Amino acid sequence: VFEKTPEAGTSATATGPALTLKEKLEKQLKQEKETFKKKPDNKQKDYEKILKKEMACFESDGIRGQYLTLAYNYILTVQPTSVEAERAFCAAGYICSSLRSKLGDDIINTICFLRAHFQKIAL
């Protein structure tokens, strides 16, 4: 009934399967590390002083500097207390029990999606 189709941004070819979520995250983290390392590293820069200056500018003018914007974006990427995320982990916990430990990532995603869909219909 369900066909396995590659997600946008993945390259599922005849020679290799689509990347799992863990592999996608590791690949993205590796790319982010490489781009961060490529920036010139001047040891004489004192990032704490730069951030303090940028914070003072932001408080007075409302304009974020380069490093303050970078720090702000990193803080916003993960929401540590999201009810929706907690609900998803709880649902995945019910699905990924010891009886169903051999299910693949795609199957678990599909089951979680269908569970959420049918719960919305029931309301």
PDB file of N, CA and C in Angstrom:
ATOM      1  N   VAL A   1       0.823  -1.184   0.000  1.00  0.00           N
ATOM      2  CA  VAL A   1       0.000   0.000   0.000  1.00  0.00           C
ATOM      3  C   VAL A   1       0.866   1.246   0.000  1.00  0.00           C
ATOM      4  N   PHE A   2       1.855   1.306   0.882  1.00  0.00           N
ATOM      5  CA  PHE A   2       2.743   2.456   0.953  1.00  0.00           C
ATOM      6  C   PHE A   2       3.999   2.165   0.159  1.00  0.00           C
ATOM      7  N   GLU A   3       4.312   3.067  -0.761  1.00  0.00           N
ATOM      8  CA  GLU A   3       5.544   2.911  -1.515  1.00  0.00           C
ATOM      9  C   GLU A   3       6.624   3.733  -0.849  1.00  0.00           C
ATOM     10  N   LYS A   4       7.819   3.211  -0.843  1.00  0.00           N
ATOM     11  CA  LYS A   4       8.937   3.927  -0.247  1.00  0.00           C
ATOM     12  C   LYS A   4       9.473   4.898  -1.286  1.00  0.00           C
ATOM     13  N   THR A   5       9.227   6.179  -1.054  1.00  0.00           N
ATOM     14  CA  THR A   5       9.707   7.205  -1.971  1.00  0.00           C
ATOM     15  C   THR A   5      10.742   8.034  -1.251  1.00  0.00           C
ATOM     16  N   PRO A   6      11.774   8.450  -1.952  1.00  0.00           N
ATOM     17  CA  PRO A   6      12.798   9.257  -1.291  1.00  0.00           C
ATOM     18  C   PRO A   6      12.250  10.624  -0.932  1.00  0.00           C
ATOM     19  N   GLU A   7      12.670  11.123   0.217  1.00  0.00           N
ATOM     20  CA  GLU A   7      12.249  12.439   0.659  1.00  0.00           C
ATOM     21  C   GLU A   7      13.017  13.493  -0.118  1.00  0.00           C
ATOM     22  N   ALA A   8      12.493  14.716  -0.088  1.00  0.00           N
ATOM     23  CA  ALA A   8      13.167  15.812  -0.770  1.00  0.00           C
ATOM     24  C   ALA A   8      14.535  16.020  -0.139  1.00  0.00           C
ATOM     25  N   GLY A   9      15.547  16.173  -0.965  1.00  0.00           N
ATOM     26  CA  GLY A   9      16.890  16.399  -0.460  1.00  0.00           C
ATOM     27  C   GLY A   9      17.705  15.141  -0.274  1.00  0.00           C
ATOM     28  N   THR A  10      17.095  13.964  -0.450  1.00  0.00           N
ATOM     29  CA  THR A  10      17.852  12.723  -0.334  1.00  0.00           C
ATOM     30  C   THR A  10      18.087  12.176  -1.717  1.00  0.00           C
ATOM     31  N   SER A  11      19.081  11.349  -1.825  1.00  0.00           N
ATOM     32  CA  SER A  11      19.395  10.776  -3.126  1.00  0.00           C
ATOM     33  C   SER A  11      19.347   9.264  -3.028  1.00  0.00           C
ATOM     34  N   ALA A  12      18.164   8.727  -3.150  1.00  0.00           N
ATOM     35  CA  ALA A  12      18.006   7.273  -3.136  1.00  0.00           C
ATOM     36  C   ALA A  12      18.173   6.785  -4.560  1.00  0.00           C
ATOM     37  N   THR A  13      19.246   6.067  -4.801  1.00  0.00           N
ATOM     38  CA  THR A  13      19.509   5.549  -6.133  1.00  0.00           C
ATOM     39  C   THR A  13      19.483   4.039  -6.084  1.00  0.00           C
ATOM     40  N   ALA A  14      19.673   3.451  -7.244  1.00  0.00           N
ATOM     41  CA  ALA A  14      19.691   1.992  -7.301  1.00  0.00           C
ATOM     42  C   ALA A  14      20.926   1.435  -6.599  1.00  0.00           C
ATOM     43  N   THR A  15      21.980   2.265  -6.468  1.00  0.00           N
ATOM     44  CA  THR A  15      23.204   1.779  -5.840  1.00  0.00           C
ATOM     45  C   THR A  15      23.194   1.933  -4.332  1.00  0.00           C
ATOM     46  N   GLY A  16      22.379   2.835  -3.789  1.00  0.00           N
ATOM     47  CA  GLY A  16      22.390   3.030  -2.352  1.00  0.00           C
ATOM     48  C   GLY A  16      21.033   3.445  -1.829  1.00  0.00           C
ATOM     49  N   PRO A  17      20.699   3.047  -0.580  1.00  0.00           N
ATOM     50  CA  PRO A  17      19.394   3.391  -0.014  1.00  0.00           C
ATOM     51  C   PRO A  17      19.356   4.848   0.451  1.00  0.00           C
ATOM     52  N   ALA A  18      18.175   5.334   0.751  1.00  0.00           N
ATOM     53  CA  ALA A  18      18.021   6.687   1.276  1.00  0.00           C
ATOM     54  C   ALA A  18      18.661   6.754   2.659  1.00  0.00           C
ATOM     55  N   LEU A  19      19.115   7.936   3.043  1.00  0.00           N
ATOM     56  CA  LEU A  19      19.762   8.113   4.334  1.00  0.00           C
ATOM     57  C   LEU A  19      18.734   8.054   5.451  1.00  0.00           C
ATOM     58  N   THR A  20      19.133   7.473   6.583  1.00  0.00           N
ATOM     59  CA  THR A  20      18.257   7.463   7.751  1.00  0.00           C
ATOM     60  C   THR A  20      18.318   8.834   8.396  1.00  0.00           C
ATOM     61  N   LEU A  21      17.426   9.081   9.335  1.00  0.00           N
ATOM     62  CA  LEU A  21      17.390  10.362  10.015  1.00  0.00           C
ATOM     63  C   LEU A  21      18.709  10.632  10.734  1.00  0.00           C
ATOM     64  N   LYS A  22      19.262   9.608  11.368  1.00  0.00           N
ATOM     65  CA  LYS A  22      20.532   9.768  12.085  1.00  0.00           C
ATOM     66  C   LYS A  22      21.644  10.151  11.117  1.00  0.00           C
ATOM     67  N   GLU A  23      21.684   9.491   9.952  1.00  0.00           N
ATOM     68  CA  GLU A  23      22.712   9.801   8.959  1.00  0.00           C
ATOM     69  C   GLU A  23      22.537  11.208   8.408  1.00  0.00           C
ATOM     70  N   LYS A  24      21.288  11.627   8.205  1.00  0.00           N
ATOM     71  CA  LYS A  24      21.032  12.984   7.720  1.00  0.00           C
ATOM     72  C   LYS A  24      21.521  14.018   8.722  1.00  0.00           C
ATOM     73  N   LEU A  25      21.210  13.788  10.010  1.00  0.00           N
ATOM     74  CA  LEU A  25      21.639  14.719  11.048  1.00  0.00           C
ATOM     75  C   LEU A  25      23.158  14.773  11.158  1.00  0.00           C
ATOM     76  N   GLU A  26      23.804  13.605  11.113  1.00  0.00           N
ATOM     77  CA  GLU A  26      25.264  13.574  11.186  1.00  0.00           C
ATOM     78  C   GLU A  26      25.888  14.286   9.991  1.00  0.00           C
ATOM     79  N   LYS A  27      25.309  14.089   8.805  1.00  0.00           N
ATOM     80  CA  LYS A  27      25.815  14.750   7.604  1.00  0.00           C
ATOM     81  C   LYS A  27      25.670  16.265   7.724  1.00  0.00           C
ATOM     82  N   GLN A  28      24.512  16.724   8.212  1.00  0.00           N
ATOM     83  CA  GLN A  28      24.283  18.160   8.369  1.00  0.00           C
ATOM     84  C   GLN A  28      25.235  18.750   9.401  1.00  0.00           C
ATOM     85  N   LEU A  29      25.438  18.042  10.523  1.00  0.00           N
ATOM     86  CA  LEU A  29      26.368  18.526  11.542  1.00  0.00           C
ATOM     87  C   LEU A  29      27.790  18.603  11.000  1.00  0.00           C
ATOM     88  N   LYS A  30      28.180  17.614  10.209  1.00  0.00           N
ATOM     89  CA  LYS A  30      29.513  17.615   9.618  1.00  0.00           C
ATOM     90  C   LYS A  30      29.680  18.806   8.678  1.00  0.00           C
ATOM     91  N   GLN A  31      28.655  19.087   7.867  1.00  0.00           N
ATOM     92  CA  GLN A  31      28.714  20.232   6.956  1.00  0.00           C
ATOM     93  C   GLN A  31      28.803  21.541   7.730  1.00  0.00           C
ATOM     94  N   GLU A  32      28.021  21.654   8.814  1.00  0.00           N
ATOM     95  CA  GLU A  32      28.058  22.868   9.624  1.00  0.00           C
ATOM     96  C   GLU A  32      29.433  23.053  10.261  1.00  0.00           C
ATOM     97  N   LYS A  33      30.036  21.960  10.743  1.00  0.00           N
ATOM     98  CA  LYS A  33      31.377  22.042  11.326  1.00  0.00           C
ATOM     99  C   LYS A  33      32.390  22.521  10.300  1.00  0.00           C
ATOM    100  N   GLU A  34      32.304  21.962   9.084  1.00  0.00           N
ATOM    101  CA  GLU A  34      33.257  22.330   8.044  1.00  0.00           C
ATOM    102  C   GLU A  34      33.116  23.791   7.652  1.00  0.00           C
ATOM    103  N   THR A  35      31.888  24.289   7.527  1.00  0.00           N
ATOM    104  CA  THR A  35      31.710  25.693   7.165  1.00  0.00           C
ATOM    105  C   THR A  35      32.160  26.595   8.300  1.00  0.00           C
ATOM    106  N   PHE A  36      31.964  26.149   9.548  1.00  0.00           N
ATOM    107  CA  PHE A  36      32.408  26.944  10.684  1.00  0.00           C
ATOM    108  C   PHE A  36      33.930  26.984  10.750  1.00  0.00           C
ATOM    109  N   LYS A  37      34.586  25.852  10.430  1.00  0.00           N
ATOM    110  CA  LYS A  37      36.047  25.794  10.455  1.00  0.00           C
ATOM    111  C   LYS A  37      36.666  26.612   9.329  1.00  0.00           C
ATOM    112  N   LYS A  38      35.960  26.758   8.201  1.00  0.00           N
ATOM    113  CA  LYS A  38      36.512  27.477   7.061  1.00  0.00           C
ATOM    114  C   LYS A  38      36.630  28.974   7.311  1.00  0.00           C
ATOM    115  N   LYS A  39      35.877  29.486   8.276  1.00  0.00           N
ATOM    116  CA  LYS A  39      35.977  30.904   8.590  1.00  0.00           C
ATOM    117  C   LYS A  39      37.362  31.172   9.172  1.00  0.00           C
ATOM    118  N   PRO A  40      37.953  32.310   8.840  1.00  0.00           N
ATOM    119  CA  PRO A  40      39.297  32.598   9.345  1.00  0.00           C
ATOM    120  C   PRO A  40      39.312  32.656  10.873  1.00  0.00           C
ATOM    121  N   ASP A  41      40.265  31.957  11.453  1.00  0.00           N
ATOM    122  CA  ASP A  41      40.376  31.886  12.905  1.00  0.00           C
ATOM    123  C   ASP A  41      41.524  32.779  13.350  1.00  0.00           C
ATOM    124  N   ASN A  42      41.182  33.948  13.809  1.00  0.00           N
ATOM    125  CA  ASN A  42      42.180  34.878  14.303  1.00  0.00           C
ATOM    126  C   ASN A  42      42.219  34.744  15.817  1.00  0.00           C
ATOM    127  N   LYS A  43      43.338  34.231  16.351  1.00  0.00           N
ATOM    128  CA  LYS A  43      43.431  33.946  17.783  1.00  0.00           C
ATOM    129  C   LYS A  43      43.422  35.212  18.628  1.00  0.00           C
ATOM    130  N   GLN A  44      43.689  36.366  18.026  1.00  0.00           N
ATOM    131  CA  GLN A  44      43.728  37.593  18.803  1.00  0.00           C
ATOM    132  C   GLN A  44      42.327  38.155  19.047  1.00  0.00           C
ATOM    133  N   LYS A  45      41.353  37.583  18.358  1.00  0.00           N
ATOM    134  CA  LYS A  45      39.983  38.041  18.586  1.00  0.00           C
ATOM    135  C   LYS A  45      39.506  37.521  19.929  1.00  0.00           C
ATOM    136  N   ASP A  46      38.927  38.363  20.669  1.00  0.00           N
ATOM    137  CA  ASP A  46      38.347  37.939  21.932  1.00  0.00           C
ATOM    138  C   ASP A  46      36.837  37.965  21.744  1.00  0.00           C
ATOM    139  N   TYR A  47      36.264  36.781  21.539  1.00  0.00           N
ATOM    140  CA  TYR A  47      34.849  36.691  21.201  1.00  0.00           C
ATOM    141  C   TYR A  47      33.949  37.224  22.310  1.00  0.00           C
ATOM    142  N   GLU A  48      34.382  37.078  23.535  1.00  0.00           N
ATOM    143  CA  GLU A  48      33.569  37.589  24.637  1.00  0.00           C
ATOM    144  C   GLU A  48      33.444  39.104  24.558  1.00  0.00           C
ATOM    145  N   LYS A  49      34.546  39.780  24.266  1.00  0.00           N
ATOM    146  CA  LYS A  49      34.517  41.239  24.125  1.00  0.00           C
ATOM    147  C   LYS A  49      33.673  41.651  22.922  1.00  0.00           C
ATOM    148  N   ILE A  50      33.823  40.904  21.838  1.00  0.00           N
ATOM    149  CA  ILE A  50      33.049  41.219  20.634  1.00  0.00           C
ATOM    150  C   ILE A  50      31.559  41.072  20.916  1.00  0.00           C
ATOM    151  N   LEU A  51      31.182  39.974  21.583  1.00  0.00           N
ATOM    152  CA  LEU A  51      29.769  39.765  21.894  1.00  0.00           C
ATOM    153  C   LEU A  51      29.243  40.830  22.846  1.00  0.00           C
ATOM    154  N   LYS A  52      30.053  41.241  23.808  1.00  0.00           N
ATOM    155  CA  LYS A  52      29.617  42.301  24.720  1.00  0.00           C
ATOM    156  C   LYS A  52      29.389  43.601  23.962  1.00  0.00           C
ATOM    157  N   LYS A  53      30.282  43.917  23.013  1.00  0.00           N
ATOM    158  CA  LYS A  53      30.105  45.123  22.193  1.00  0.00           C
ATOM    159  C   LYS A  53      28.844  45.009  21.344  1.00  0.00           C
ATOM    160  N   GLU A  54      28.653  43.843  20.746  1.00  0.00           N
ATOM    161  CA  GLU A  54      27.473  43.650  19.902  1.00  0.00           C
ATOM    162  C   GLU A  54      26.192  43.689  20.729  1.00  0.00           C
ATOM    163  N   MET A  55      26.236  43.158  21.950  1.00  0.00           N
ATOM    164  CA  MET A  55      25.055  43.219  22.814  1.00  0.00           C
ATOM    165  C   MET A  55      24.752  44.660  23.210  1.00  0.00           C
ATOM    166  N   ALA A  56      25.801  45.443  23.472  1.00  0.00           N
ATOM    167  CA  ALA A  56      25.592  46.856  23.798  1.00  0.00           C
ATOM    168  C   ALA A  56      24.992  47.597  22.604  1.00  0.00           C
ATOM    169  N   CYS A  57      25.486  47.305  21.406  1.00  0.00           N
ATOM    170  CA  CYS A  57      24.928  47.922  20.192  1.00  0.00           C
ATOM    171  C   CYS A  57      23.480  47.500  19.994  1.00  0.00           C
ATOM    172  N   PHE A  58      23.191  46.239  20.259  1.00  0.00           N
ATOM    173  CA  PHE A  58      21.820  45.748  20.096  1.00  0.00           C
ATOM    174  C   PHE A  58      20.878  46.419  21.090  1.00  0.00           C
ATOM    175  N   GLU A  59      21.353  46.585  22.336  1.00  0.00           N
ATOM    176  CA  GLU A  59      20.514  47.230  23.343  1.00  0.00           C
ATOM    177  C   GLU A  59      20.260  48.688  23.013  1.00  0.00           C
ATOM    178  N   SER A  60      21.245  49.359  22.425  1.00  0.00           N
ATOM    179  CA  SER A  60      21.059  50.779  22.117  1.00  0.00           C
ATOM    180  C   SER A  60      20.380  51.005  20.766  1.00  0.00           C
ATOM    181  N   ASP A  61      20.790  50.264  19.736  1.00  0.00           N
ATOM    182  CA  ASP A  61      20.275  50.498  18.384  1.00  0.00           C
ATOM    183  C   ASP A  61      19.259  49.462  17.923  1.00  0.00           C
ATOM    184  N   GLY A  62      19.261  48.292  18.524  1.00  0.00           N
ATOM    185  CA  GLY A  62      18.362  47.229  18.088  1.00  0.00           C
ATOM    186  C   GLY A  62      18.895  46.461  16.891  1.00  0.00           C
ATOM    187  N   ILE A  63      20.179  46.608  16.594  1.00  0.00           N
ATOM    188  CA  ILE A  63      20.786  45.922  15.447  1.00  0.00           C
ATOM    189  C   ILE A  63      21.740  44.859  15.969  1.00  0.00           C
ATOM    190  N   ARG A  64      21.545  43.631  15.511  1.00  0.00           N
ATOM    191  CA  ARG A  64      22.426  42.533  15.919  1.00  0.00           C
ATOM    192  C   ARG A  64      23.644  42.488  15.015  1.00  0.00           C
ATOM    193  N   GLY A  65      24.783  42.230  15.623  1.00  0.00           N
ATOM    194  CA  GLY A  65      26.009  42.047  14.860  1.00  0.00           C
ATOM    195  C   GLY A  65      26.118  40.622  14.340  1.00  0.00           C
ATOM    196  N   GLN A  66      27.211  40.346  13.634  1.00  0.00           N
ATOM    197  CA  GLN A  66      27.412  39.039  13.002  1.00  0.00           C
ATOM    198  C   GLN A  66      27.441  37.908  14.031  1.00  0.00           C
ATOM    199  N   TYR A  67      28.232  38.047  15.078  1.00  0.00           N
ATOM    200  CA  TYR A  67      28.390  36.964  16.051  1.00  0.00           C
ATOM    201  C   TYR A  67      27.165  36.828  16.953  1.00  0.00           C
ATOM    202  N   LEU A  68      26.529  37.936  17.273  1.00  0.00           N
ATOM    203  CA  LEU A  68      25.321  37.880  18.085  1.00  0.00           C
ATOM    204  C   LEU A  68      24.189  37.215  17.305  1.00  0.00           C
ATOM    205  N   THR A  69      24.105  37.490  16.013  1.00  0.00           N
ATOM    206  CA  THR A  69      23.107  36.837  15.161  1.00  0.00           C
ATOM    207  C   THR A  69      23.381  35.346  15.074  1.00  0.00           C
ATOM    208  N   LEU A  70      24.638  34.976  14.949  1.00  0.00           N
ATOM    209  CA  LEU A  70      25.008  33.560  14.893  1.00  0.00           C
ATOM    210  C   LEU A  70      24.610  32.846  16.186  1.00  0.00           C
ATOM    211  N   ALA A  71      24.916  33.450  17.323  1.00  0.00           N
ATOM    212  CA  ALA A  71      24.554  32.856  18.613  1.00  0.00           C
ATOM    213  C   ALA A  71      23.033  32.777  18.768  1.00  0.00           C
ATOM    214  N   TYR A  72      22.336  33.817  18.344  1.00  0.00           N
ATOM    215  CA  TYR A  72      20.872  33.850  18.434  1.00  0.00           C
ATOM    216  C   TYR A  72      20.249  32.736  17.600  1.00  0.00           C
ATOM    217  N   ASN A  73      20.747  32.539  16.386  1.00  0.00           N
ATOM    218  CA  ASN A  73      20.208  31.490  15.516  1.00  0.00           C
ATOM    219  C   ASN A  73      20.464  30.099  16.084  1.00  0.00           C
ATOM    220  N   TYR A  74      21.620  29.885  16.691  1.00  0.00           N
ATOM    221  CA  TYR A  74      21.901  28.582  17.298  1.00  0.00           C
ATOM    222  C   TYR A  74      20.988  28.318  18.486  1.00  0.00           C
ATOM    223  N   ILE A  75      20.676  29.346  19.244  1.00  0.00           N
ATOM    224  CA  ILE A  75      19.793  29.170  20.395  1.00  0.00           C
ATOM    225  C   ILE A  75      18.373  28.858  19.939  1.00  0.00           C
ATOM    226  N   LEU A  76      17.938  29.459  18.834  1.00  0.00           N
ATOM    227  CA  LEU A  76      16.572  29.256  18.351  1.00  0.00           C
ATOM    228  C   LEU A  76      16.350  27.924  17.650  1.00  0.00           C
ATOM    229  N   THR A  77      17.401  27.226  17.252  1.00  0.00           N
ATOM    230  CA  THR A  77      17.216  26.017  16.455  1.00  0.00           C
ATOM    231  C   THR A  77      16.521  24.897  17.211  1.00  0.00           C
ATOM    232  N   VAL A  78      16.795  24.730  18.476  1.00  0.00           N
ATOM    233  CA  VAL A  78      16.199  23.634  19.240  1.00  0.00           C
ATOM    234  C   VAL A  78      15.327  24.223  20.340  1.00  0.00           C
ATOM    235  N   GLN A  79      14.073  23.824  20.351  1.00  0.00           N
ATOM    236  CA  GLN A  79      13.180  24.256  21.414  1.00  0.00           C
ATOM    237  C   GLN A  79      13.182  23.166  22.483  1.00  0.00           C
ATOM    238  N   PRO A  80      13.813  23.411  23.627  1.00  0.00           N
ATOM    239  CA  PRO A  80      13.975  22.351  24.615  1.00  0.00           C
ATOM    240  C   PRO A  80      12.674  21.899  25.269  1.00  0.00           C
ATOM    241  N   THR A  81      11.709  22.775  25.427  1.00  0.00           N
ATOM    242  CA  THR A  81      10.461  22.380  26.068  1.00  0.00           C
ATOM    243  C   THR A  81       9.304  22.651  25.123  1.00  0.00           C
ATOM    244  N   SER A  82       9.148  21.786  24.190  1.00  0.00           N
ATOM    245  CA  SER A  82       8.051  21.905  23.244  1.00  0.00           C
ATOM    246  C   SER A  82       7.050  20.794  23.526  1.00  0.00           C
ATOM    247  N   VAL A  83       5.828  21.172  23.781  1.00  0.00           N
ATOM    248  CA  VAL A  83       4.795  20.183  24.083  1.00  0.00           C
ATOM    249  C   VAL A  83       4.607  19.243  22.903  1.00  0.00           C
ATOM    250  N   GLU A  84       4.668  19.799  21.703  1.00  0.00           N
ATOM    251  CA  GLU A  84       4.491  18.972  20.509  1.00  0.00           C
ATOM    252  C   GLU A  84       5.596  17.917  20.401  1.00  0.00           C
ATOM    253  N   ALA A  85       6.838  18.317  20.683  1.00  0.00           N
ATOM    254  CA  ALA A  85       7.947  17.363  20.615  1.00  0.00           C
ATOM    255  C   ALA A  85       7.805  16.291  21.692  1.00  0.00           C
ATOM    256  N   GLU A  86       7.413  16.704  22.891  1.00  0.00           N
ATOM    257  CA  GLU A  86       7.224  15.728  23.967  1.00  0.00           C
ATOM    258  C   GLU A  86       6.115  14.740  23.620  1.00  0.00           C
ATOM    259  N   ARG A  87       5.056  15.237  23.006  1.00  0.00           N
ATOM    260  CA  ARG A  87       3.948  14.371  22.602  1.00  0.00           C
ATOM    261  C   ARG A  87       4.411  13.369  21.546  1.00  0.00           C
ATOM    262  N   ALA A  88       5.237  13.836  20.604  1.00  0.00           N
ATOM    263  CA  ALA A  88       5.744  12.947  19.552  1.00  0.00           C
ATOM    264  C   ALA A  88       6.645  11.866  20.139  1.00  0.00           C
ATOM    265  N   PHE A  89       7.517  12.231  21.085  1.00  0.00           N
ATOM    266  CA  PHE A  89       8.381  11.238  21.714  1.00  0.00           C
ATOM    267  C   PHE A  89       7.558  10.223  22.500  1.00  0.00           C
ATOM    268  N   CYS A  90       6.512  10.685  23.158  1.00  0.00           N
ATOM    269  CA  CYS A  90       5.652   9.778  23.918  1.00  0.00           C
ATOM    270  C   CYS A  90       4.974   8.790  22.978  1.00  0.00           C
ATOM    271  N   ALA A  91       4.453   9.298  21.856  1.00  0.00           N
ATOM    272  CA  ALA A  91       3.796   8.423  20.879  1.00  0.00           C
ATOM    273  C   ALA A  91       4.790   7.428  20.299  1.00  0.00           C
ATOM    274  N   ALA A  92       5.992   7.892  20.000  1.00  0.00           N
ATOM    275  CA  ALA A  92       7.017   6.992  19.463  1.00  0.00           C
ATOM    276  C   ALA A  92       7.404   5.942  20.500  1.00  0.00           C
ATOM    277  N   GLY A  93       7.356   6.302  21.774  1.00  0.00           N
ATOM    278  CA  GLY A  93       7.653   5.342  22.834  1.00  0.00           C
ATOM    279  C   GLY A  93       6.643   4.216  22.889  1.00  0.00           C
ATOM    280  N   TYR A  94       5.374   4.553  22.637  1.00  0.00           N
ATOM    281  CA  TYR A  94       4.348   3.505  22.596  1.00  0.00           C
ATOM    282  C   TYR A  94       4.558   2.588  21.400  1.00  0.00           C
ATOM    283  N   ILE A  95       4.944   3.177  20.287  1.00  0.00           N
ATOM    284  CA  ILE A  95       5.103   2.403  19.052  1.00  0.00           C
ATOM    285  C   ILE A  95       6.386   1.580  19.084  1.00  0.00           C
ATOM    286  N   CYS A  96       7.466   2.145  19.593  1.00  0.00           N
ATOM    287  CA  CYS A  96       8.774   1.467  19.602  1.00  0.00           C
ATOM    288  C   CYS A  96       8.963   0.674  20.890  1.00  0.00           C
ATOM    289  N   SER A  97       8.081  -0.211  21.166  1.00  0.00           N
ATOM    290  CA  SER A  97       8.212  -1.045  22.357  1.00  0.00           C
ATOM    291  C   SER A  97       9.172  -2.200  22.053  1.00  0.00           C
ATOM    292  N   SER A  98       9.436  -3.003  23.057  1.00  0.00           N
ATOM    293  CA  SER A  98      10.344  -4.140  22.853  1.00  0.00           C
ATOM    294  C   SER A  98       9.759  -5.156  21.878  1.00  0.00           C
ATOM    295  N   LEU A  99       8.438  -5.184  21.751  1.00  0.00           N
ATOM    296  CA  LEU A  99       7.805  -6.107  20.804  1.00  0.00           C
ATOM    297  C   LEU A  99       7.993  -5.656  19.357  1.00  0.00           C
ATOM    298  N   ARG A 100       8.134  -4.345  19.169  1.00  0.00           N
ATOM    299  CA  ARG A 100       8.254  -3.809  17.812  1.00  0.00           C
ATOM    300  C   ARG A 100       9.634  -3.204  17.570  1.00  0.00           C
ATOM    301  N   SER A 101      10.648  -3.760  18.142  1.00  0.00           N
ATOM    302  CA  SER A 101      11.979  -3.161  18.066  1.00  0.00           C
ATOM    303  C   SER A 101      12.637  -3.308  16.701  1.00  0.00           C
ATOM    304  N   LYS A 102      12.124  -4.149  15.838  1.00  0.00           N
ATOM    305  CA  LYS A 102      12.751  -4.370  14.538  1.00  0.00           C
ATOM    306  C   LYS A 102      12.135  -3.522  13.426  1.00  0.00           C
ATOM    307  N   LEU A 103      11.251  -2.596  13.763  1.00  0.00           N
ATOM    308  CA  LEU A 103      10.647  -1.737  12.751  1.00  0.00           C
ATOM    309  C   LEU A 103      11.671  -0.729  12.246  1.00  0.00           C
ATOM    310  N   GLY A 104      11.615  -0.430  10.964  1.00  0.00           N
ATOM    311  CA  GLY A 104      12.519   0.554  10.380  1.00  0.00           C
ATOM    312  C   GLY A 104      12.037   1.975  10.637  1.00  0.00           C
ATOM    313  N   ASP A 105      12.905   2.947  10.363  1.00  0.00           N
ATOM    314  CA  ASP A 105      12.585   4.353  10.582  1.00  0.00           C
ATOM    315  C   ASP A 105      11.365   4.793   9.781  1.00  0.00           C
ATOM    316  N   ASP A 106      11.305   4.383   8.517  1.00  0.00           N
ATOM    317  CA  ASP A 106      10.189   4.791   7.662  1.00  0.00           C
ATOM    318  C   ASP A 106       8.859   4.255   8.179  1.00  0.00           C
ATOM    319  N   ILE A 107       8.851   3.024   8.632  1.00  0.00           N
ATOM    320  CA  ILE A 107       7.617   2.420   9.148  1.00  0.00           C
ATOM    321  C   ILE A 107       7.170   3.140  10.418  1.00  0.00           C
ATOM    322  N   ILE A 108       8.113   3.424  11.305  1.00  0.00           N
ATOM    323  CA  ILE A 108       7.776   4.125  12.547  1.00  0.00           C
ATOM    324  C   ILE A 108       7.236   5.514  12.240  1.00  0.00           C
ATOM    325  N   ASN A 109       7.871   6.228  11.304  1.00  0.00           N
ATOM    326  CA  ASN A 109       7.380   7.550  10.911  1.00  0.00           C
ATOM    327  C   ASN A 109       5.965   7.463  10.358  1.00  0.00           C
ATOM    328  N   THR A 110       5.712   6.466   9.531  1.00  0.00           N
ATOM    329  CA  THR A 110       4.386   6.298   8.935  1.00  0.00           C
ATOM    330  C   THR A 110       3.345   5.984  10.004  1.00  0.00           C
ATOM    331  N   ILE A 111       3.678   5.104  10.930  1.00  0.00           N
ATOM    332  CA  ILE A 111       2.742   4.749  12.001  1.00  0.00           C
ATOM    333  C   ILE A 111       2.441   5.966  12.874  1.00  0.00           C
ATOM    334  N   CYS A 112       3.473   6.733  13.225  1.00  0.00           N
ATOM    335  CA  CYS A 112       3.263   7.938  14.039  1.00  0.00           C
ATOM    336  C   CYS A 112       2.388   8.946  13.301  1.00  0.00           C
ATOM    337  N   PHE A 113       2.639   9.105  11.996  1.00  0.00           N
ATOM    338  CA  PHE A 113       1.840  10.031  11.198  1.00  0.00           C
ATOM    339  C   PHE A 113       0.380   9.591  11.168  1.00  0.00           C
ATOM    340  N   LEU A 114       0.152   8.306  10.908  1.00  0.00           N
ATOM    341  CA  LEU A 114      -1.218   7.797  10.845  1.00  0.00           C
ATOM    342  C   LEU A 114      -1.917   7.912  12.198  1.00  0.00           C
ATOM    343  N   ARG A 115      -1.197   7.650  13.270  1.00  0.00           N
ATOM    344  CA  ARG A 115      -1.773   7.767  14.612  1.00  0.00           C
ATOM    345  C   ARG A 115      -2.228   9.202  14.872  1.00  0.00           C
ATOM    346  N   ALA A 116      -1.364  10.174  14.548  1.00  0.00           N
ATOM    347  CA  ALA A 116      -1.719  11.582  14.747  1.00  0.00           C
ATOM    348  C   ALA A 116      -2.891  11.979  13.855  1.00  0.00           C
ATOM    349  N   HIS A 117      -2.890  11.485  12.620  1.00  0.00           N
ATOM    350  CA  HIS A 117      -3.963  11.813  11.675  1.00  0.00           C
ATOM    351  C   HIS A 117      -5.312  11.298  12.177  1.00  0.00           C
ATOM    352  N   PHE A 118      -5.349  10.050  12.606  1.00  0.00           N
ATOM    353  CA  PHE A 118      -6.611   9.481  13.062  1.00  0.00           C
ATOM    354  C   PHE A 118      -7.061  10.069  14.395  1.00  0.00           C
ATOM    355  N   GLN A 119      -6.132  10.529  15.215  1.00  0.00           N
ATOM    356  CA  GLN A 119      -6.521  11.202  16.451  1.00  0.00           C
ATOM    357  C   GLN A 119      -7.182  12.540  16.144  1.00  0.00           C
ATOM    358  N   LYS A 120      -6.691  13.246  15.116  1.00  0.00           N
ATOM    359  CA  LYS A 120      -7.307  14.518  14.720  1.00  0.00           C
ATOM    360  C   LYS A 120      -8.710  14.287  14.168  1.00  0.00           C
ATOM    361  N   ILE A 121      -8.880  13.208  13.411  1.00  0.00           N
ATOM    362  CA  ILE A 121     -10.194  12.898  12.845  1.00  0.00           C
ATOM    363  C   ILE A 121     -11.181  12.564  13.962  1.00  0.00           C
ATOM    364  N   ALA A 122     -10.708  11.863  14.989  1.00  0.00           N
ATOM    365  CA  ALA A 122     -11.582  11.450  16.089  1.00  0.00           C
ATOM    366  C   ALA A 122     -12.085  12.646  16.888  1.00  0.00           C
ATOM    367  N   LEU A 123     -11.330  13.735  16.893  1.00  0.00           N
ATOM    368  CA  LEU A 123     -11.754  14.921  17.642  1.00  0.00           C
ATOM    369  C   LEU A 123     -12.860  15.568  16.891  1.00  0.00           C
TER     370      LEU A 123
END
